[in-house]
Amino acid sequence: MITRCPVCRGLQVGKVGSDQYYCWNCFLEFNYNRGKFNLYEVAEDGTLIAMEKPSQIL
């Protein structure tokens, strides 16, 4: 079970899907697949935008 955000290491993480999590500190959704974290920004209309590069997070 994931209890910390992989970006900010915050503990305010909630489960929003079967394998999808949301961080209330940095406002990103993420999941863990094939040995790596996949990060998503939530757009205004609720769609998820994949964060491809770590530099996009900062």
N, C-alpha and C. Protein backbone atom coordinates (compact mmCIF):
# COMPACT_ATOMS: atom_id res chain seq x y z
N MET A 1 0.84 -1.19 0.00
CA MET A 1 0.00 0.00 0.00
C MET A 1 0.88 1.25 0.00
N ILE A 2 0.51 2.22 -0.82
CA ILE A 2 1.25 3.47 -0.92
C ILE A 2 0.72 4.44 0.11
N THR A 3 1.62 4.96 0.94
CA THR A 3 1.18 5.90 1.96
C THR A 3 1.83 7.26 1.81
N ARG A 4 2.81 7.39 0.93
CA ARG A 4 3.50 8.67 0.72
C ARG A 4 3.50 9.02 -0.76
N CYS A 5 3.47 10.31 -1.03
CA CYS A 5 3.55 10.80 -2.40
C CYS A 5 4.98 10.61 -2.90
N PRO A 6 5.16 10.11 -4.13
CA PRO A 6 6.51 9.93 -4.65
C PRO A 6 7.20 11.26 -5.01
N VAL A 7 6.45 12.36 -5.09
CA VAL A 7 7.02 13.65 -5.46
C VAL A 7 7.42 14.45 -4.23
N CYS A 8 6.45 14.72 -3.34
CA CYS A 8 6.71 15.58 -2.19
C CYS A 8 6.91 14.80 -0.89
N ARG A 9 6.71 13.50 -0.94
CA ARG A 9 6.82 12.62 0.23
C ARG A 9 5.78 12.94 1.30
N GLY A 10 4.72 13.64 0.90
CA GLY A 10 3.65 13.99 1.83
C GLY A 10 2.80 12.78 2.19
N LEU A 11 2.14 12.88 3.33
CA LEU A 11 1.31 11.79 3.82
C LEU A 11 -0.17 11.96 3.48
N GLN A 12 -0.54 13.10 2.90
CA GLN A 12 -1.93 13.34 2.57
C GLN A 12 -2.25 12.77 1.19
N VAL A 13 -2.29 11.46 1.11
CA VAL A 13 -2.53 10.74 -0.13
C VAL A 13 -3.82 9.95 0.02
N GLY A 14 -4.69 10.07 -1.00
CA GLY A 14 -5.93 9.33 -0.98
C GLY A 14 -6.05 8.45 -2.21
N LYS A 15 -6.79 7.39 -2.07
CA LYS A 15 -6.99 6.45 -3.17
C LYS A 15 -8.23 6.89 -3.95
N VAL A 16 -8.09 7.10 -5.27
CA VAL A 16 -9.19 7.57 -6.09
C VAL A 16 -9.64 6.53 -7.11
N GLY A 17 -8.95 5.43 -7.19
CA GLY A 17 -9.30 4.34 -8.10
C GLY A 17 -8.68 3.06 -7.61
N SER A 18 -8.82 2.00 -8.38
CA SER A 18 -8.30 0.72 -7.93
C SER A 18 -6.80 0.75 -7.71
N ASP A 19 -6.07 1.44 -8.58
CA ASP A 19 -4.62 1.58 -8.43
C ASP A 19 -4.19 3.02 -8.66
N GLN A 20 -5.05 3.98 -8.40
CA GLN A 20 -4.78 5.38 -8.66
C GLN A 20 -4.86 6.16 -7.34
N TYR A 21 -3.90 7.07 -7.12
CA TYR A 21 -3.81 7.83 -5.88
C TYR A 21 -3.71 9.32 -6.18
N TYR A 22 -4.11 10.14 -5.22
CA TYR A 22 -4.08 11.60 -5.37
C TYR A 22 -3.38 12.22 -4.16
N CYS A 23 -2.45 13.14 -4.42
CA CYS A 23 -1.74 13.83 -3.35
C CYS A 23 -2.36 15.21 -3.14
N TRP A 24 -2.81 15.50 -1.94
CA TRP A 24 -3.41 16.79 -1.61
C TRP A 24 -2.36 17.86 -1.35
N ASN A 25 -1.09 17.48 -1.26
CA ASN A 25 -0.02 18.47 -1.09
C ASN A 25 0.43 19.05 -2.42
N CYS A 26 0.67 18.22 -3.41
CA CYS A 26 1.16 18.71 -4.70
C CYS A 26 0.12 18.60 -5.82
N PHE A 27 -1.07 18.10 -5.50
CA PHE A 27 -2.21 18.06 -6.43
C PHE A 27 -1.94 17.24 -7.68
N LEU A 28 -1.27 16.11 -7.53
CA LEU A 28 -0.99 15.21 -8.64
C LEU A 28 -1.63 13.86 -8.38
N GLU A 29 -2.04 13.19 -9.44
CA GLU A 29 -2.47 11.80 -9.34
C GLU A 29 -1.30 10.94 -9.79
N PHE A 30 -1.24 9.74 -9.25
CA PHE A 30 -0.16 8.84 -9.63
C PHE A 30 -0.58 7.40 -9.43
N ASN A 31 0.13 6.52 -10.14
CA ASN A 31 -0.01 5.09 -9.95
C ASN A 31 1.36 4.45 -10.09
N TYR A 32 1.44 3.20 -9.74
CA TYR A 32 2.70 2.46 -9.82
C TYR A 32 2.48 1.30 -10.76
N ASN A 33 3.25 1.29 -11.87
CA ASN A 33 3.05 0.26 -12.88
C ASN A 33 4.40 -0.13 -13.47
N ARG A 34 4.63 -1.41 -13.53
CA ARG A 34 5.86 -1.96 -14.13
C ARG A 34 7.13 -1.39 -13.52
N GLY A 35 7.14 -1.23 -12.22
CA GLY A 35 8.34 -0.81 -11.52
C GLY A 35 8.61 0.68 -11.50
N LYS A 36 7.67 1.50 -11.98
CA LYS A 36 7.90 2.94 -11.93
C LYS A 36 6.58 3.67 -11.63
N PHE A 37 6.73 4.88 -11.12
CA PHE A 37 5.56 5.71 -10.86
C PHE A 37 5.18 6.47 -12.12
N ASN A 38 3.90 6.53 -12.39
CA ASN A 38 3.36 7.33 -13.48
C ASN A 38 2.63 8.50 -12.83
N LEU A 39 3.00 9.72 -13.21
CA LEU A 39 2.44 10.93 -12.61
C LEU A 39 1.52 11.63 -13.59
N TYR A 40 0.43 12.20 -13.06
CA TYR A 40 -0.55 12.88 -13.89
C TYR A 40 -0.98 14.17 -13.22
N GLU A 41 -1.10 15.21 -14.04
CA GLU A 41 -1.68 16.47 -13.59
C GLU A 41 -3.17 16.43 -13.91
N VAL A 42 -3.99 16.92 -13.01
CA VAL A 42 -5.43 16.93 -13.23
C VAL A 42 -5.81 18.26 -13.88
N ALA A 43 -6.38 18.21 -15.08
CA ALA A 43 -6.79 19.41 -15.80
C ALA A 43 -8.10 19.94 -15.21
N GLU A 44 -8.46 21.16 -15.61
CA GLU A 44 -9.68 21.79 -15.09
C GLU A 44 -10.94 20.98 -15.40
N ASP A 45 -10.95 20.29 -16.53
CA ASP A 45 -12.13 19.50 -16.90
C ASP A 45 -12.10 18.09 -16.30
N GLY A 46 -11.08 17.78 -15.50
CA GLY A 46 -10.99 16.49 -14.82
C GLY A 46 -10.18 15.44 -15.55
N THR A 47 -9.73 15.74 -16.75
CA THR A 47 -8.90 14.77 -17.47
C THR A 47 -7.49 14.75 -16.88
N LEU A 48 -6.80 13.66 -17.11
CA LEU A 48 -5.44 13.51 -16.60
C LEU A 48 -4.43 13.77 -17.71
N ILE A 49 -3.42 14.57 -17.39
CA ILE A 49 -2.35 14.88 -18.33
C ILE A 49 -1.08 14.23 -17.81
N ALA A 50 -0.52 13.32 -18.61
CA ALA A 50 0.67 12.58 -18.18
C ALA A 50 1.86 13.52 -18.05
N MET A 51 2.60 13.35 -16.97
CA MET A 51 3.83 14.10 -16.75
C MET A 51 4.96 13.21 -17.25
N GLU A 52 5.57 13.58 -18.36
CA GLU A 52 6.56 12.72 -19.00
C GLU A 52 7.95 12.88 -18.43
N LYS A 53 8.32 14.08 -18.04
CA LYS A 53 9.67 14.33 -17.56
C LYS A 53 9.64 14.80 -16.12
N PRO A 54 10.61 14.38 -15.30
CA PRO A 54 10.64 14.85 -13.91
C PRO A 54 10.74 16.37 -13.80
N SER A 55 11.33 17.05 -14.79
CA SER A 55 11.47 18.48 -14.74
C SER A 55 10.12 19.20 -14.84
N GLN A 56 9.10 18.52 -15.37
CA GLN A 56 7.77 19.10 -15.47
C GLN A 56 7.11 19.24 -14.09
N ILE A 57 7.56 18.47 -13.15
CA ILE A 57 6.97 18.47 -11.81
C ILE A 57 7.37 19.71 -11.04
N LEU A 58 8.61 20.13 -11.20
CA LEU A 58 9.13 21.28 -10.48
C LEU A 58 8.69 22.50 -11.16
